[in-house]
C-alpha atoms as a PDB file:
ATOM      1  CA  MET A   1      -4.015  16.714   6.142  1.00  0.00           C
ATOM      2  CA  SER A   2      -1.172  14.619   4.778  1.00  0.00           C
ATOM      3  CA  ASP A   3      -1.264  12.584   1.590  1.00  0.00           C
ATOM      4  CA  TYR A   4      -1.701   8.903   2.443  1.00  0.00           C
ATOM      5  CA  THR A   5      -1.448   7.564  -1.114  1.00  0.00           C
ATOM      6  CA  GLY A   6       1.410   5.094  -1.519  1.00  0.00           C
ATOM      7  CA  TRP A   7       1.680   4.206   2.164  1.00  0.00           C
ATOM      8  CA  ILE A   8       2.130   0.536   3.014  1.00  0.00           C
ATOM      9  CA  VAL A   9      -0.185  -0.381   5.903  1.00  0.00           C
ATOM     10  CA  GLN A  10      -1.306  -3.398   7.894  1.00  0.00           C
ATOM     11  CA  ALA A  11      -4.976  -3.887   8.784  1.00  0.00           C
ATOM     12  CA  THR A  12      -5.554  -4.083  12.543  1.00  0.00           C
ATOM     13  CA  ALA A  13      -9.303  -4.774  12.464  1.00  0.00           C
ATOM     14  CA  GLY A  14     -11.860  -6.651  10.413  1.00  0.00           C
ATOM     15  CA  ARG A  15     -11.738  -9.874   8.436  1.00  0.00           C
ATOM     16  CA  ASP A  16      -8.564  -8.730   6.666  1.00  0.00           C
ATOM     17  CA  LYS A  17      -6.741  -8.213   9.995  1.00  0.00           C
ATOM     18  CA  GLU A  18      -2.940  -8.630   9.684  1.00  0.00           C
ATOM     19  CA  GLY A  19      -3.141  -8.212   5.900  1.00  0.00           C
ATOM     20  CA  ILE A  20      -0.655  -5.894   4.200  1.00  0.00           C
ATOM     21  CA  PHE A  21      -2.080  -3.341   1.765  1.00  0.00           C
ATOM     22  CA  CYS A  22      -1.120  -0.253  -0.180  1.00  0.00           C
ATOM     23  CA  VAL A  23      -3.154   2.926   0.100  1.00  0.00           C
ATOM     24  CA  VAL A  24      -4.350   3.639  -3.445  1.00  0.00           C
ATOM     25  CA  GLY A  25      -6.580   6.602  -2.614  1.00  0.00           C
ATOM     26  CA  VAL A  26      -8.453   8.564   0.038  1.00  0.00           C
ATOM     27  CA  GLU A  27     -12.153   9.333   0.509  1.00  0.00           C
ATOM     28  CA  GLN A  28     -12.619  12.682   2.225  1.00  0.00           C
ATOM     29  CA  GLU A  29     -16.049  12.682   3.872  1.00  0.00           C
ATOM     30  CA  PRO A  30     -15.870  10.725   6.125  1.00  0.00           C
ATOM     31  CA  LEU A  31     -12.138  10.090   5.975  1.00  0.00           C
ATOM     32  CA  ARG A  32     -11.482   6.575   4.665  1.00  0.00           C
ATOM     33  CA  LEU A  33      -8.353   5.036   3.188  1.00  0.00           C
ATOM     34  CA  LEU A  34      -8.793   3.002   0.009  1.00  0.00           C
ATOM     35  CA  LEU A  35      -6.657  -0.137   0.309  1.00  0.00           C
ATOM     36  CA  ALA A  36      -5.659  -2.717  -2.302  1.00  0.00           C
ATOM     37  CA  ASP A  37      -3.245  -5.618  -2.424  1.00  0.00           C
ATOM     38  CA  GLY A  38      -3.743  -6.673  -6.044  1.00  0.00           C
ATOM     39  CA  LYS A  39      -4.938 -10.154  -5.122  1.00  0.00           C
ATOM     40  CA  ARG A  40      -7.912 -10.261  -2.759  1.00  0.00           C
ATOM     41  CA  ARG A  41      -8.557  -6.533  -3.102  1.00  0.00           C
ATOM     42  CA  LYS A  42      -8.056  -5.250  -6.622  1.00  0.00           C
ATOM     43  CA  ALA A  43      -7.041  -1.653  -7.353  1.00  0.00           C
ATOM     44  CA  ALA A  44     -10.295  -1.147  -9.282  1.00  0.00           C
ATOM     45  CA  ARG A  45     -12.369  -2.023  -6.204  1.00  0.00           C
ATOM     46  CA  PRO A  46     -10.351  -1.110  -3.099  1.00  0.00           C
ATOM     47  CA  LYS A  47     -11.303  -1.766   0.524  1.00  0.00           C
ATOM     48  CA  LYS A  48     -12.436   1.269   2.540  1.00  0.00           C
ATOM     49  CA  LYS A  49     -10.928   1.466   6.023  1.00  0.00           C
ATOM     50  CA  LYS A  50     -10.825   4.047   8.774  1.00  0.00           C
ATOM     51  CA  PRO A  51      -7.296   5.330   9.475  1.00  0.00           C
ATOM     52  CA  ALA A  52      -7.641   4.106  13.082  1.00  0.00           C
ATOM     53  CA  HIS A  53      -8.011   0.526  11.802  1.00  0.00           C
ATOM     54  CA  VAL A  54      -4.641   0.382  10.058  1.00  0.00           C
ATOM     55  CA  ARG A  55      -1.039   0.582  11.183  1.00  0.00           C
ATOM     56  CA  VAL A  56       1.548   2.258   8.979  1.00  0.00           C
ATOM     57  CA  LEU A  57       4.498  -0.061   8.453  1.00  0.00           C
ATOM     58  CA  PRO A  58       8.041   1.305   8.792  1.00  0.00           C
ATOM     59  CA  GLN A  59       9.444   2.141   5.372  1.00  0.00           C
ATOM     60  CA  GLY A  60      12.883   3.574   6.053  1.00  0.00           C
ATOM     61  CA  PRO A  61      13.977   7.212   6.216  1.00  0.00           C
ATOM     62  CA  ASP A  62      13.109   7.986   2.574  1.00  0.00           C
ATOM     63  CA  GLY A  63      10.008   5.812   2.368  1.00  0.00           C
ATOM     64  CA  PHE A  64       9.632   2.687   0.247  1.00  0.00           C
ATOM     65  CA  ASP A  65      11.152   3.418  -3.133  1.00  0.00           C
ATOM     66  CA  HIS A  66       9.434   1.347  -5.814  1.00  0.00           C
ATOM     67  CA  PRO A  67       8.264   2.470  -9.278  1.00  0.00           C
ATOM     68  CA  THR A  68       4.674   1.359  -8.589  1.00  0.00           C
ATOM     69  CA  ILE A  69       4.511   3.388  -5.371  1.00  0.00           C
ATOM     70  CA  ARG A  70       5.895   6.435  -7.174  1.00  0.00           C
ATOM     71  CA  LYS A  71       3.228   6.068  -9.884  1.00  0.00           C
ATOM     72  CA  LEU A  72       0.503   5.946  -7.217  1.00  0.00           C
ATOM     73  CA  GLN A  73       1.872   9.052  -5.526  1.00  0.00           C
ATOM     74  CA  GLN A  74       1.826  10.898  -8.847  1.00  0.00           C
ATOM     75  CA  GLY A  75      -1.822   9.953  -9.389  1.00  0.00           C
ATOM     76  CA  GLU A  76      -1.224   7.482 -12.210  1.00  0.00           C
ATOM     77  CA  PRO A  77      -3.191   4.207 -12.339  1.00  0.00           C
ATOM     78  CA  VAL A  78      -1.374   0.960 -11.516  1.00  0.00           C
ATOM     79  CA  SER A  79      -2.114  -2.638 -12.429  1.00  0.00           C
ATOM     80  CA  ASP A  80      -2.885  -5.315  -9.868  1.00  0.00           C
ATOM     81  CA  ARG A  81       0.179  -7.235 -10.990  1.00  0.00           C
ATOM     82  CA  ALA A  82       2.446  -4.251 -10.325  1.00  0.00           C
ATOM     83  CA  LEU A  83       0.819  -3.744  -6.937  1.00  0.00           C
ATOM     84  CA  ARG A  84       1.402  -7.403  -5.981  1.00  0.00           C
ATOM     85  CA  ARG A  85       5.045  -7.129  -7.010  1.00  0.00           C
ATOM     86  CA  ALA A  86       5.571  -3.933  -5.028  1.00  0.00           C
ATOM     87  CA  LEU A  87       4.053  -5.466  -1.892  1.00  0.00           C
ATOM     88  CA  ALA A  88       6.113  -8.639  -2.350  1.00  0.00           C
ATOM     89  CA  ALA A  89       9.273  -6.550  -2.608  1.00  0.00           C
ATOM     90  CA  PHE A  90       8.258  -4.646   0.528  1.00  0.00           C
ATOM     91  CA  LYS A  91       7.649  -7.892   2.432  1.00  0.00           C
ATOM     92  CA  GLU A  92      11.076  -9.172   1.433  1.00  0.00           C
ATOM     93  CA  GLY A  93      12.693  -5.917   2.488  1.00  0.00           C
ATOM     94  CA  VAL A  94      14.197  -5.388  -0.928  1.00  0.00           C
ATOM     95  CA  SER A  95      14.303  -2.002  -2.595  1.00  0.00           C
ATOM     96  CA  LEU A  96      14.683  -1.587  -6.300  1.00  0.00           C
ATOM     97  CA  GLY A  97      18.139  -2.591  -7.481  1.00  0.00           C
ATOM     98  CA  GLU A  98      19.030  -4.547  -4.340  1.00  0.00           C
ATOM     99  CA  ARG A  99      19.103  -8.310  -4.039  1.00  0.00           C
ATOM    100  CA  ARG A 100      19.306 -10.582  -1.054  1.00  0.00           C
ATOM    101  CA  TYR A 101      21.612 -13.587  -1.247  1.00  0.00           C
ATOM    102  CA  ASP A 102      20.642 -15.792   1.686  1.00  0.00           C
END
């Protein structure tokens, strides 16, 4: 089994369909992904979803490099504010240290 923590996913079913979330944890039996976006779903009370009901969003060859995502992958707790900022940066397509001048 691979480690899903830190993946950026889009819900494909349920009332939160089309919403973008970060996987903040995994429940083993039965397998459920714990999703949070920092706004509607806080990190302290994540949404449980079956892996079949989410779509992993493309994150580049090295994944999405953001300090909040790295903290999640290392098992450290993150704030809802940091989670919102990481997802906003992902939506804009901006990695840390890069800026878009449109």
